[in-house]
Amino acid sequence: MTNLSATVKMLRKQHGLTQEELSLKSGVGLRFVRELEQGKLTLRLDKVNQLLRLFNYEMMPTHHISHETSTNIL
């Protein structure tokens, strides 16, 4: 389970929603909700955010520069 999947599951339960209710309220498919909560590693960010907006959250990509990459840039 990933941090994202654990957080979504916790938020869903805090709001007293089933996976099916979360799916309907957020507008994403039930399969997507299940895969997200099970920690699937490849998910569409737009769909994740569509679901997270229900809880006033948003996930954004970040840029990580490793030591090897930063020495090549400079």
N, C-alpha and C. Protein backbone atom coordinates (compact mmCIF):
# COMPACT_ATOMS: atom_id res chain seq x y z
N MET A 1 0.85 -1.18 0.00
CA MET A 1 0.00 0.00 0.00
C MET A 1 0.89 1.25 0.00
N THR A 2 0.56 2.22 -0.82
CA THR A 2 1.32 3.47 -0.90
C THR A 2 0.72 4.51 0.04
N ASN A 3 1.45 5.61 0.23
CA ASN A 3 0.92 6.71 1.04
C ASN A 3 -0.39 7.23 0.45
N LEU A 4 -0.43 7.35 -0.87
CA LEU A 4 -1.63 7.84 -1.53
C LEU A 4 -2.80 6.90 -1.29
N SER A 5 -2.59 5.61 -1.47
CA SER A 5 -3.69 4.66 -1.30
C SER A 5 -4.18 4.65 0.15
N ALA A 6 -3.26 4.71 1.10
CA ALA A 6 -3.65 4.73 2.51
C ALA A 6 -4.41 6.01 2.85
N THR A 7 -3.99 7.13 2.28
CA THR A 7 -4.65 8.40 2.54
C THR A 7 -6.06 8.41 1.97
N VAL A 8 -6.22 7.95 0.75
CA VAL A 8 -7.54 7.92 0.13
C VAL A 8 -8.47 7.00 0.91
N LYS A 9 -7.98 5.85 1.30
CA LYS A 9 -8.81 4.92 2.06
C LYS A 9 -9.22 5.55 3.40
N MET A 10 -8.28 6.21 4.08
CA MET A 10 -8.57 6.86 5.35
C MET A 10 -9.61 7.97 5.16
N LEU A 11 -9.44 8.81 4.14
CA LEU A 11 -10.39 9.90 3.88
C LEU A 11 -11.78 9.35 3.56
N ARG A 12 -11.81 8.30 2.75
CA ARG A 12 -13.09 7.69 2.39
C ARG A 12 -13.82 7.20 3.63
N LYS A 13 -13.09 6.52 4.50
CA LYS A 13 -13.71 5.97 5.71
C LYS A 13 -14.11 7.08 6.68
N GLN A 14 -13.29 8.14 6.79
CA GLN A 14 -13.62 9.26 7.66
C GLN A 14 -14.93 9.92 7.23
N HIS A 15 -15.18 9.92 5.93
CA HIS A 15 -16.40 10.53 5.40
C HIS A 15 -17.55 9.52 5.28
N GLY A 16 -17.32 8.32 5.77
CA GLY A 16 -18.38 7.31 5.80
C GLY A 16 -18.83 6.85 4.42
N LEU A 17 -17.88 6.79 3.48
CA LEU A 17 -18.22 6.39 2.11
C LEU A 17 -17.74 4.99 1.81
N THR A 18 -18.53 4.26 1.03
CA THR A 18 -18.06 3.00 0.47
C THR A 18 -17.24 3.33 -0.77
N GLN A 19 -16.53 2.35 -1.29
CA GLN A 19 -15.80 2.57 -2.54
C GLN A 19 -16.75 2.95 -3.66
N GLU A 20 -17.91 2.32 -3.70
CA GLU A 20 -18.89 2.62 -4.74
C GLU A 20 -19.40 4.06 -4.60
N GLU A 21 -19.69 4.49 -3.39
CA GLU A 21 -20.15 5.87 -3.18
C GLU A 21 -19.07 6.88 -3.56
N LEU A 22 -17.83 6.57 -3.21
CA LEU A 22 -16.72 7.46 -3.59
C LEU A 22 -16.61 7.54 -5.10
N SER A 23 -16.76 6.43 -5.76
CA SER A 23 -16.73 6.39 -7.21
C SER A 23 -17.81 7.28 -7.81
N LEU A 24 -19.01 7.15 -7.32
CA LEU A 24 -20.14 7.94 -7.85
C LEU A 24 -19.97 9.44 -7.56
N LYS A 25 -19.58 9.77 -6.34
CA LYS A 25 -19.46 11.18 -5.95
C LYS A 25 -18.31 11.88 -6.66
N SER A 26 -17.23 11.15 -6.93
CA SER A 26 -16.06 11.77 -7.55
C SER A 26 -16.10 11.70 -9.07
N GLY A 27 -16.92 10.79 -9.61
CA GLY A 27 -17.03 10.67 -11.05
C GLY A 27 -15.97 9.79 -11.70
N VAL A 28 -15.27 9.01 -10.89
CA VAL A 28 -14.31 8.05 -11.45
C VAL A 28 -14.91 6.65 -11.31
N GLY A 29 -14.37 5.72 -12.04
CA GLY A 29 -14.90 4.36 -12.01
C GLY A 29 -14.58 3.63 -10.72
N LEU A 30 -15.43 2.68 -10.38
CA LEU A 30 -15.23 1.87 -9.19
C LEU A 30 -13.92 1.10 -9.28
N ARG A 31 -13.59 0.61 -10.45
CA ARG A 31 -12.33 -0.12 -10.63
C ARG A 31 -11.14 0.79 -10.31
N PHE A 32 -11.22 2.06 -10.73
CA PHE A 32 -10.15 3.01 -10.45
C PHE A 32 -9.99 3.19 -8.94
N VAL A 33 -11.09 3.36 -8.21
CA VAL A 33 -11.04 3.53 -6.76
C VAL A 33 -10.39 2.30 -6.12
N ARG A 34 -10.80 1.13 -6.54
CA ARG A 34 -10.24 -0.10 -5.98
C ARG A 34 -8.75 -0.22 -6.26
N GLU A 35 -8.34 0.06 -7.49
CA GLU A 35 -6.93 -0.03 -7.84
C GLU A 35 -6.10 1.01 -7.07
N LEU A 36 -6.64 2.21 -6.92
CA LEU A 36 -5.94 3.25 -6.17
C LEU A 36 -5.74 2.81 -4.73
N GLU A 37 -6.79 2.33 -4.09
CA GLU A 37 -6.70 1.91 -2.69
C GLU A 37 -5.83 0.67 -2.51
N GLN A 38 -5.67 -0.12 -3.55
CA GLN A 38 -4.81 -1.30 -3.46
C GLN A 38 -3.35 -0.97 -3.76
N GLY A 39 -3.08 0.30 -4.09
CA GLY A 39 -1.70 0.74 -4.28
C GLY A 39 -1.15 0.57 -5.68
N LYS A 40 -2.01 0.51 -6.68
CA LYS A 40 -1.53 0.40 -8.06
C LYS A 40 -0.56 1.55 -8.32
N LEU A 41 0.58 1.25 -8.91
CA LEU A 41 1.63 2.24 -9.07
C LEU A 41 1.46 3.14 -10.28
N THR A 42 0.69 2.72 -11.26
CA THR A 42 0.50 3.55 -12.45
C THR A 42 -0.96 3.97 -12.54
N LEU A 43 -1.20 5.23 -12.20
CA LEU A 43 -2.54 5.80 -12.24
C LEU A 43 -2.49 7.14 -12.96
N ARG A 44 -3.56 7.50 -13.62
CA ARG A 44 -3.62 8.80 -14.29
C ARG A 44 -3.78 9.91 -13.25
N LEU A 45 -2.89 10.89 -13.30
CA LEU A 45 -2.90 11.97 -12.34
C LEU A 45 -4.19 12.78 -12.40
N ASP A 46 -4.74 12.97 -13.60
CA ASP A 46 -5.99 13.72 -13.70
C ASP A 46 -7.14 13.01 -12.99
N LYS A 47 -7.16 11.69 -13.07
CA LYS A 47 -8.20 10.91 -12.38
C LYS A 47 -7.97 10.93 -10.86
N VAL A 48 -6.71 10.84 -10.44
CA VAL A 48 -6.40 10.92 -9.01
C VAL A 48 -6.90 12.25 -8.47
N ASN A 49 -6.61 13.34 -9.18
CA ASN A 49 -7.04 14.66 -8.73
C ASN A 49 -8.55 14.82 -8.79
N GLN A 50 -9.18 14.21 -9.73
CA GLN A 50 -10.65 14.25 -9.80
C GLN A 50 -11.25 13.67 -8.52
N LEU A 51 -10.68 12.57 -8.07
CA LEU A 51 -11.13 11.94 -6.84
C LEU A 51 -10.74 12.79 -5.62
N LEU A 52 -9.51 13.26 -5.58
CA LEU A 52 -9.02 14.03 -4.43
C LEU A 52 -9.76 15.36 -4.24
N ARG A 53 -10.26 15.94 -5.33
CA ARG A 53 -11.00 17.21 -5.22
C ARG A 53 -12.21 17.09 -4.31
N LEU A 54 -12.76 15.92 -4.23
CA LEU A 54 -13.89 15.68 -3.34
C LEU A 54 -13.52 15.98 -1.88
N PHE A 55 -12.24 15.81 -1.55
CA PHE A 55 -11.76 16.03 -0.19
C PHE A 55 -10.92 17.32 -0.08
N ASN A 56 -10.97 18.15 -1.12
CA ASN A 56 -10.20 19.41 -1.17
C ASN A 56 -8.69 19.17 -1.14
N TYR A 57 -8.24 18.16 -1.85
CA TYR A 57 -6.82 17.86 -2.00
C TYR A 57 -6.48 17.87 -3.48
N GLU A 58 -5.18 18.02 -3.75
CA GLU A 58 -4.69 17.93 -5.12
C GLU A 58 -3.28 17.37 -5.07
N MET A 59 -2.96 16.52 -6.01
CA MET A 59 -1.62 15.96 -6.11
C MET A 59 -0.95 16.57 -7.33
N MET A 60 0.30 16.98 -7.15
CA MET A 60 1.02 17.60 -8.26
C MET A 60 2.36 16.91 -8.44
N PRO A 61 2.83 16.83 -9.67
CA PRO A 61 4.15 16.23 -9.89
C PRO A 61 5.23 17.16 -9.35
N THR A 62 6.31 16.56 -8.90
CA THR A 62 7.46 17.33 -8.45
C THR A 62 8.67 16.93 -9.27
N HIS A 63 9.63 17.77 -9.28
CA HIS A 63 10.85 17.49 -10.02
C HIS A 63 11.95 17.19 -9.02
N HIS A 64 12.54 16.04 -9.15
CA HIS A 64 13.60 15.63 -8.25
C HIS A 64 14.91 15.61 -9.04
N ILE A 65 15.88 16.32 -8.55
CA ILE A 65 17.18 16.33 -9.21
C ILE A 65 18.14 15.53 -8.35
N SER A 66 18.64 14.47 -8.92
CA SER A 66 19.62 13.66 -8.19
C SER A 66 20.99 14.32 -8.29
N HIS A 67 21.90 13.90 -7.46
CA HIS A 67 23.25 14.45 -7.46
C HIS A 67 23.90 14.27 -8.83
N GLU A 68 23.69 13.10 -9.44
CA GLU A 68 24.30 12.82 -10.75
C GLU A 68 23.74 13.77 -11.81
N THR A 69 22.44 13.99 -11.81
CA THR A 69 21.82 14.86 -12.78
C THR A 69 22.25 16.29 -12.59
N SER A 70 22.30 16.76 -11.35
CA SER A 70 22.63 18.16 -11.09
C SER A 70 24.05 18.49 -11.52
N THR A 71 24.98 17.55 -11.44
CA THR A 71 26.36 17.84 -11.86
C THR A 71 26.44 17.93 -13.38
N ASN A 72 25.57 17.21 -14.08
CA ASN A 72 25.58 17.28 -15.55
C ASN A 72 24.95 18.57 -16.06
N ILE A 73 24.02 19.14 -15.30
CA ILE A 73 23.35 20.35 -15.72
C ILE A 73 24.25 21.55 -15.55
N LEU A 74 24.96 21.60 -14.44
CA LEU A 74 25.80 22.75 -14.12
C LEU A 74 27.05 22.65 -14.88
